[in-house]
Structure formats: C-alpha cells, structure tokens
Amino acid sequence: VQTSTNLKDWVTVLTNTVPFTFTTNKSNAD
C-alpha cells in the first residue's frame, strides 16, 4: 500500500498478505 499527495511521489506505508484491512489516521484538516 502506497500513499501520495500529488500522484507523482509515492511512499510505501505497508506490505501485507492479501486479503487485509488497512487503517490510518486522517484528520479533518487533510
């Protein structure tokens, strides 16, 4: 699973075995 703020630069935040549930905290300010 990777994340980006601009669709150009991607950072891997998790590797896991399918299937799985990904959870992260996203504030209302995002």
ModelCIF file with pLDDT and N, C-alpha, C, O atoms, coordinates in Angstrom:
data_MODEL
#
_entry.id   MODEL 
#
_entity.id                         1 
_entity.type                       polymer 
_entity.pdbx_number_of_molecules   1 
#
_entity_poly.entity_id                      1 
_entity_poly.type                           'polypeptide(L)' 
_entity_poly.nstd_linkage                   no 
_entity_poly.nstd_monomer                   no 
_entity_poly.pdbx_seq_one_letter_code       VQTSTNLKDWVTVLTNTVPFTFTTNKSNAD 
_entity_poly.pdbx_seq_one_letter_code_can   VQTSTNLKDWVTVLTNTVPFTFTTNKSNAD 
_entity_poly.pdbx_strand_id                 A 
#
loop_
_entity_poly_seq.entity_id 
_entity_poly_seq.num 
_entity_poly_seq.mon_id 
_entity_poly_seq.hetero 
1 1  VAL n 
1 2  GLN n 
1 3  THR n 
1 4  SER n 
1 5  THR n 
1 6  ASN n 
1 7  LEU n 
1 8  LYS n 
1 9  ASP n 
1 10 TRP n 
1 11 VAL n 
1 12 THR n 
1 13 VAL n 
1 14 LEU n 
1 15 THR n 
1 16 ASN n 
1 17 THR n 
1 18 VAL n 
1 19 PRO n 
1 20 PHE n 
1 21 THR n 
1 22 PHE n 
1 23 THR n 
1 24 THR n 
1 25 ASN n 
1 26 LYS n 
1 27 SER n 
1 28 ASN n 
1 29 ALA n 
1 30 ASP n 
#
_struct_asym.id          A 
_struct_asym.entity_id   1 
#
loop_
_ma_qa_metric.id 
_ma_qa_metric.mode 
_ma_qa_metric.name 
_ma_qa_metric.software_group_id 
_ma_qa_metric.type 
1 global pLDDT . pLDDT 
2 local  pLDDT . pLDDT 
#
_ma_qa_metric_global.metric_id      1 
_ma_qa_metric_global.metric_value   78.50 
_ma_qa_metric_global.model_id       1 
_ma_qa_metric_global.ordinal_id     1 
#
loop_
_ma_qa_metric_local.label_asym_id 
_ma_qa_metric_local.label_comp_id 
_ma_qa_metric_local.label_seq_id 
_ma_qa_metric_local.metric_id 
_ma_qa_metric_local.metric_value 
_ma_qa_metric_local.model_id 
_ma_qa_metric_local.ordinal_id 
A VAL 1  2 88.00 1 1  
A GLN 2  2 86.00 1 2  
A THR 3  2 84.00 1 3  
A SER 4  2 81.00 1 4  
A THR 5  2 75.00 1 5  
A ASN 6  2 74.00 1 6  
A LEU 7  2 76.00 1 7  
A LYS 8  2 78.00 1 8  
A ASP 9  2 84.00 1 9  
A TRP 10 2 86.00 1 10 
A VAL 11 2 90.00 1 11 
A THR 12 2 92.00 1 12 
A VAL 13 2 90.00 1 13 
A LEU 14 2 91.00 1 14 
A THR 15 2 93.00 1 15 
A ASN 16 2 93.00 1 16 
A THR 17 2 91.00 1 17 
A VAL 18 2 87.00 1 18 
A PRO 19 2 87.00 1 19 
A PHE 20 2 86.00 1 20 
A THR 21 2 86.00 1 21 
A PHE 22 2 86.00 1 22 
A THR 23 2 83.00 1 23 
A THR 24 2 78.00 1 24 
A ASN 25 2 68.00 1 25 
A LYS 26 2 58.00 1 26 
A SER 27 2 48.00 1 27 
A ASN 28 2 45.00 1 28 
A ALA 29 2 42.00 1 29 
A ASP 30 2 49.00 1 30 
#
loop_
_atom_site.group_PDB 
_atom_site.id 
_atom_site.type_symbol 
_atom_site.label_atom_id 
_atom_site.label_alt_id 
_atom_site.label_comp_id 
_atom_site.label_asym_id 
_atom_site.label_entity_id 
_atom_site.label_seq_id 
_atom_site.pdbx_PDB_ins_code 
_atom_site.Cartn_x 
_atom_site.Cartn_y 
_atom_site.Cartn_z 
_atom_site.occupancy 
_atom_site.B_iso_or_equiv 
_atom_site.pdbx_formal_charge 
_atom_site.auth_seq_id 
_atom_site.auth_comp_id 
_atom_site.auth_asym_id 
_atom_site.auth_atom_id 
_atom_site.pdbx_PDB_model_num 
ATOM 1   N N  . VAL A 1 1  ? 0.862   -1.174  0.000  1.00 88.00 ? 1  VAL A N  1 
ATOM 2   C CA . VAL A 1 1  ? 0.000   0.000   0.000  1.00 88.00 ? 1  VAL A CA 1 
ATOM 3   C C  . VAL A 1 1  ? 0.898   1.223   0.000  1.00 88.00 ? 1  VAL A C  1 
ATOM 4   O O  . VAL A 1 1  ? 1.822   1.323   0.808  1.00 88.00 ? 1  VAL A O  1 
ATOM 5   N N  . GLN A 1 2  ? 0.626   2.157   -0.910 1.00 86.00 ? 2  GLN A N  1 
ATOM 6   C CA . GLN A 1 2  ? 1.419   3.368   -1.018 1.00 86.00 ? 2  GLN A CA 1 
ATOM 7   C C  . GLN A 1 2  ? 0.524   4.596   -0.897 1.00 86.00 ? 2  GLN A C  1 
ATOM 8   O O  . GLN A 1 2  ? -0.672  4.541   -1.180 1.00 86.00 ? 2  GLN A O  1 
ATOM 9   N N  . THR A 1 3  ? 1.125   5.706   -0.471 1.00 84.00 ? 3  THR A N  1 
ATOM 10  C CA . THR A 1 3  ? 0.380   6.956   -0.346 1.00 84.00 ? 3  THR A CA 1 
ATOM 11  C C  . THR A 1 3  ? 1.125   8.086   -1.044 1.00 84.00 ? 3  THR A C  1 
ATOM 12  O O  . THR A 1 3  ? 2.346   8.054   -1.194 1.00 84.00 ? 3  THR A O  1 
ATOM 13  N N  . SER A 1 4  ? 0.360   9.079   -1.462 1.00 81.00 ? 4  SER A N  1 
ATOM 14  C CA . SER A 1 4  ? 0.931   10.223  -2.162 1.00 81.00 ? 4  SER A CA 1 
ATOM 15  C C  . SER A 1 4  ? 0.041   11.430  -1.945 1.00 81.00 ? 4  SER A C  1 
ATOM 16  O O  . SER A 1 4  ? -1.153  11.293  -1.676 1.00 81.00 ? 4  SER A O  1 
ATOM 17  N N  . THR A 1 5  ? 0.622   12.606  -2.062 1.00 75.00 ? 5  THR A N  1 
ATOM 18  C CA . THR A 1 5  ? -0.168  13.841  -2.010 1.00 75.00 ? 5  THR A CA 1 
ATOM 19  C C  . THR A 1 5  ? -0.274  14.510  -3.378 1.00 75.00 ? 5  THR A C  1 
ATOM 20  O O  . THR A 1 5  ? -0.991  15.498  -3.537 1.00 75.00 ? 5  THR A O  1 
ATOM 21  N N  . ASN A 1 6  ? 0.446   13.968  -4.368 1.00 74.00 ? 6  ASN A N  1 
ATOM 22  C CA . ASN A 1 6  ? 0.450   14.621  -5.682 1.00 74.00 ? 6  ASN A CA 1 
ATOM 23  C C  . ASN A 1 6  ? 0.333   13.657  -6.858 1.00 74.00 ? 6  ASN A C  1 
ATOM 24  O O  . ASN A 1 6  ? 0.398   14.079  -8.013 1.00 74.00 ? 6  ASN A O  1 
ATOM 25  N N  . LEU A 1 7  ? 0.162   12.374  -6.577 1.00 76.00 ? 7  LEU A N  1 
ATOM 26  C CA . LEU A 1 7  ? 0.062   11.328  -7.607 1.00 76.00 ? 7  LEU A CA 1 
ATOM 27  C C  . LEU A 1 7  ? 1.354   11.137  -8.393 1.00 76.00 ? 7  LEU A C  1 
ATOM 28  O O  . LEU A 1 7  ? 1.366   10.448  -9.413 1.00 76.00 ? 7  LEU A O  1 
ATOM 29  N N  . LYS A 1 8  ? 2.444   11.747  -7.921 1.00 78.00 ? 8  LYS A N  1 
ATOM 30  C CA . LYS A 1 8  ? 3.745   11.565  -8.572 1.00 78.00 ? 8  LYS A CA 1 
ATOM 31  C C  . LYS A 1 8  ? 4.724   10.859  -7.652 1.00 78.00 ? 8  LYS A C  1 
ATOM 32  O O  . LYS A 1 8  ? 5.391   9.908   -8.058 1.00 78.00 ? 8  LYS A O  1 
ATOM 33  N N  . ASP A 1 9  ? 4.809   11.324  -6.417 1.00 84.00 ? 9  ASP A N  1 
ATOM 34  C CA . ASP A 1 9  ? 5.761   10.770  -5.454 1.00 84.00 ? 9  ASP A CA 1 
ATOM 35  C C  . ASP A 1 9  ? 5.012   9.834   -4.509 1.00 84.00 ? 9  ASP A C  1 
ATOM 36  O O  . ASP A 1 9  ? 4.109   10.257  -3.786 1.00 84.00 ? 9  ASP A O  1 
ATOM 37  N N  . TRP A 1 10 ? 5.397   8.560   -4.526 1.00 86.00 ? 10 TRP A N  1 
ATOM 38  C CA . TRP A 1 10 ? 4.683   7.549   -3.754 1.00 86.00 ? 10 TRP A CA 1 
ATOM 39  C C  . TRP A 1 10 ? 5.582   6.979   -2.661 1.00 86.00 ? 10 TRP A C  1 
ATOM 40  O O  . TRP A 1 10 ? 6.772   6.753   -2.880 1.00 86.00 ? 10 TRP A O  1 
ATOM 41  N N  . VAL A 1 11 ? 5.015   6.752   -1.506 1.00 90.00 ? 11 VAL A N  1 
ATOM 42  C CA . VAL A 1 11 ? 5.735   6.174   -0.361 1.00 90.00 ? 11 VAL A CA 1 
ATOM 43  C C  . VAL A 1 11 ? 5.012   4.912   0.074  1.00 90.00 ? 11 VAL A C  1 
ATOM 44  O O  . VAL A 1 11 ? 3.802   4.933   0.300  1.00 90.00 ? 11 VAL A O  1 
ATOM 45  N N  . THR A 1 12 ? 5.740   3.820   0.191  1.00 92.00 ? 12 THR A N  1 
ATOM 46  C CA . THR A 1 12 ? 5.150   2.572   0.670  1.00 92.00 ? 12 THR A CA 1 
ATOM 47  C C  . THR A 1 12 ? 4.962   2.661   2.178  1.00 92.00 ? 12 THR A C  1 
ATOM 48  O O  . THR A 1 12 ? 5.914   2.915   2.916  1.00 92.00 ? 12 THR A O  1 
ATOM 49  N N  . VAL A 1 13 ? 3.742   2.453   2.628  1.00 90.00 ? 13 VAL A N  1 
ATOM 50  C CA . VAL A 1 13 ? 3.435   2.557   4.061  1.00 90.00 ? 13 VAL A CA 1 
ATOM 51  C C  . VAL A 1 13 ? 3.110   1.207   4.680  1.00 90.00 ? 13 VAL A C  1 
ATOM 52  O O  . VAL A 1 13 ? 3.041   1.086   5.903  1.00 90.00 ? 13 VAL A O  1 
ATOM 53  N N  . LEU A 1 14 ? 2.908   0.182   3.841  1.00 91.00 ? 14 LEU A N  1 
ATOM 54  C CA . LEU A 1 14 ? 2.585   -1.131  4.383  1.00 91.00 ? 14 LEU A CA 1 
ATOM 55  C C  . LEU A 1 14 ? 2.761   -2.192  3.303  1.00 91.00 ? 14 LEU A C  1 
ATOM 56  O O  . LEU A 1 14 ? 2.415   -1.978  2.141  1.00 91.00 ? 14 LEU A O  1 
ATOM 57  N N  . THR A 1 15 ? 3.300   -3.332  3.703  1.00 93.00 ? 15 THR A N  1 
ATOM 58  C CA . THR A 1 15 ? 3.235   -4.535  2.875  1.00 93.00 ? 15 THR A CA 1 
ATOM 59  C C  . THR A 1 15 ? 2.530   -5.598  3.693  1.00 93.00 ? 15 THR A C  1 
ATOM 60  O O  . THR A 1 15 ? 2.726   -5.694  4.904  1.00 93.00 ? 15 THR A O  1 
ATOM 61  N N  . ASN A 1 16 ? 1.710   -6.394  3.028  1.00 93.00 ? 16 ASN A N  1 
ATOM 62  C CA . ASN A 1 16 ? 0.924   -7.377  3.763  1.00 93.00 ? 16 ASN A CA 1 
ATOM 63  C C  . ASN A 1 16 ? 0.473   -8.475  2.821  1.00 93.00 ? 16 ASN A C  1 
ATOM 64  O O  . ASN A 1 16 ? 0.652   -8.397  1.606  1.00 93.00 ? 16 ASN A O  1 
ATOM 65  N N  . THR A 1 17 ? -0.116  -9.497  3.413  1.00 91.00 ? 17 THR A N  1 
ATOM 66  C CA . THR A 1 17 ? -0.612  -10.633 2.650  1.00 91.00 ? 17 THR A CA 1 
ATOM 67  C C  . THR A 1 17 ? -2.103  -10.461 2.381  1.00 91.00 ? 17 THR A C  1 
ATOM 68  O O  . THR A 1 17 ? -2.885  -10.258 3.310  1.00 91.00 ? 17 THR A O  1 
ATOM 69  N N  . VAL A 1 18 ? -2.487  -10.539 1.144  1.00 87.00 ? 18 VAL A N  1 
ATOM 70  C CA . VAL A 1 18 ? -3.884  -10.378 0.728  1.00 87.00 ? 18 VAL A CA 1 
ATOM 71  C C  . VAL A 1 18 ? -4.712  -11.569 1.222  1.00 87.00 ? 18 VAL A C  1 
ATOM 72  O O  . VAL A 1 18 ? -4.256  -12.708 1.119  1.00 87.00 ? 18 VAL A O  1 
ATOM 73  N N  . PRO A 1 19 ? -5.921  -11.334 1.758  1.00 87.00 ? 19 PRO A N  1 
ATOM 74  C CA . PRO A 1 19 ? -6.605  -10.055 1.956  1.00 87.00 ? 19 PRO A CA 1 
ATOM 75  C C  . PRO A 1 19 ? -6.252  -9.440  3.301  1.00 87.00 ? 19 PRO A C  1 
ATOM 76  O O  . PRO A 1 19 ? -5.851  -10.150 4.222  1.00 87.00 ? 19 PRO A O  1 
ATOM 77  N N  . PHE A 1 20 ? -6.400  -8.117  3.420  1.00 86.00 ? 20 PHE A N  1 
ATOM 78  C CA . PHE A 1 20 ? -6.157  -7.446  4.693  1.00 86.00 ? 20 PHE A CA 1 
ATOM 79  C C  . PHE A 1 20 ? -6.880  -6.107  4.700  1.00 86.00 ? 20 PHE A C  1 
ATOM 80  O O  . PHE A 1 20 ? -7.343  -5.631  3.663  1.00 86.00 ? 20 PHE A O  1 
ATOM 81  N N  . THR A 1 21 ? -6.972  -5.505  5.885  1.00 86.00 ? 21 THR A N  1 
ATOM 82  C CA . THR A 1 21 ? -7.582  -4.187  6.046  1.00 86.00 ? 21 THR A CA 1 
ATOM 83  C C  . THR A 1 21 ? -6.514  -3.190  6.450  1.00 86.00 ? 21 THR A C  1 
ATOM 84  O O  . THR A 1 21 ? -5.754  -3.419  7.391  1.00 86.00 ? 21 THR A O  1 
ATOM 85  N N  . PHE A 1 22 ? -6.465  -2.092  5.735  1.00 86.00 ? 22 PHE A N  1 
ATOM 86  C CA . PHE A 1 22 ? -5.509  -1.019  6.015  1.00 86.00 ? 22 PHE A CA 1 
ATOM 87  C C  . PHE A 1 22 ? -6.219  0.096   6.773  1.00 86.00 ? 22 PHE A C  1 
ATOM 88  O O  . PHE A 1 22 ? -7.308  0.523   6.390  1.00 86.00 ? 22 PHE A O  1 
ATOM 89  N N  . THR A 1 23 ? -5.590  0.566   7.859  1.00 83.00 ? 23 THR A N  1 
ATOM 90  C CA . THR A 1 23 ? -6.174  1.634   8.664  1.00 83.00 ? 23 THR A CA 1 
ATOM 91  C C  . THR A 1 23 ? -5.117  2.687   8.951  1.00 83.00 ? 23 THR A C  1 
ATOM 92  O O  . THR A 1 23 ? -3.982  2.362   9.299  1.00 83.00 ? 23 THR A O  1 
ATOM 93  N N  . THR A 1 24 ? -5.501  3.966   8.799  1.00 78.00 ? 24 THR A N  1 
ATOM 94  C CA . THR A 1 24 ? -4.597  5.054   9.140  1.00 78.00 ? 24 THR A CA 1 
ATOM 95  C C  . THR A 1 24 ? -5.416  6.217   9.660  1.00 78.00 ? 24 THR A C  1 
ATOM 96  O O  . THR A 1 24 ? -6.611  6.307   9.381  1.00 78.00 ? 24 THR A O  1 
ATOM 97  N N  . ASN A 1 25 ? -4.788  7.108   10.412 1.00 68.00 ? 25 ASN A N  1 
ATOM 98  C CA . ASN A 1 25 ? -5.492  8.271   10.932 1.00 68.00 ? 25 ASN A CA 1 
ATOM 99  C C  . ASN A 1 25 ? -5.376  9.410   9.949  1.00 68.00 ? 25 ASN A C  1 
ATOM 100 O O  . ASN A 1 25 ? -4.276  9.797   9.554  1.00 68.00 ? 25 ASN A O  1 
ATOM 101 N N  . LYS A 1 26 ? -6.540  9.956   9.549  1.00 58.00 ? 26 LYS A N  1 
ATOM 102 C CA . LYS A 1 26 ? -6.564  11.126  8.680  1.00 58.00 ? 26 LYS A CA 1 
ATOM 103 C C  . LYS A 1 26 ? -7.393  12.185  9.366  1.00 58.00 ? 26 LYS A C  1 
ATOM 104 O O  . LYS A 1 26 ? -8.578  11.973  9.620  1.00 58.00 ? 26 LYS A O  1 
ATOM 105 N N  . SER A 1 27 ? -6.798  13.315  9.670  1.00 48.00 ? 27 SER A N  1 
ATOM 106 C CA . SER A 1 27 ? -7.516  14.375  10.366 1.00 48.00 ? 27 SER A CA 1 
ATOM 107 C C  . SER A 1 27 ? -8.447  15.086  9.414  1.00 48.00 ? 27 SER A C  1 
ATOM 108 O O  . SER A 1 27 ? -8.298  14.991  8.196  1.00 48.00 ? 27 SER A O  1 
ATOM 109 N N  . ASN A 1 28 ? -9.418  15.806  9.977  1.00 45.00 ? 28 ASN A N  1 
ATOM 110 C CA . ASN A 1 28 ? -10.371 16.558  9.153  1.00 45.00 ? 28 ASN A CA 1 
ATOM 111 C C  . ASN A 1 28 ? -9.690  17.662  8.365  1.00 45.00 ? 28 ASN A C  1 
ATOM 112 O O  . ASN A 1 28 ? -10.254 18.170  7.396  1.00 45.00 ? 28 ASN A O  1 
ATOM 113 N N  . ALA A 1 29 ? -8.468  18.045  8.774  1.00 42.00 ? 29 ALA A N  1 
ATOM 114 C CA . ALA A 1 29 ? -7.775  19.133  8.088  1.00 42.00 ? 29 ALA A CA 1 
ATOM 115 C C  . ALA A 1 29 ? -7.144  18.677  6.773  1.00 42.00 ? 29 ALA A C  1 
ATOM 116 O O  . ALA A 1 29 ? -6.791  19.510  5.938  1.00 42.00 ? 29 ALA A O  1 
ATOM 117 N N  . ASP A 1 30 ? -6.997  17.361  6.581  1.00 49.00 ? 30 ASP A N  1 
ATOM 118 C CA . ASP A 1 30 ? -6.377  16.873  5.365  1.00 49.00 ? 30 ASP A CA 1 
ATOM 119 C C  . ASP A 1 30 ? -7.271  17.164  4.172  1.00 49.00 ? 30 ASP A C  1 
ATOM 120 O O  . ASP A 1 30 ? -6.920  16.826  3.041  1.00 49.00 ? 30 ASP A O  1 
#
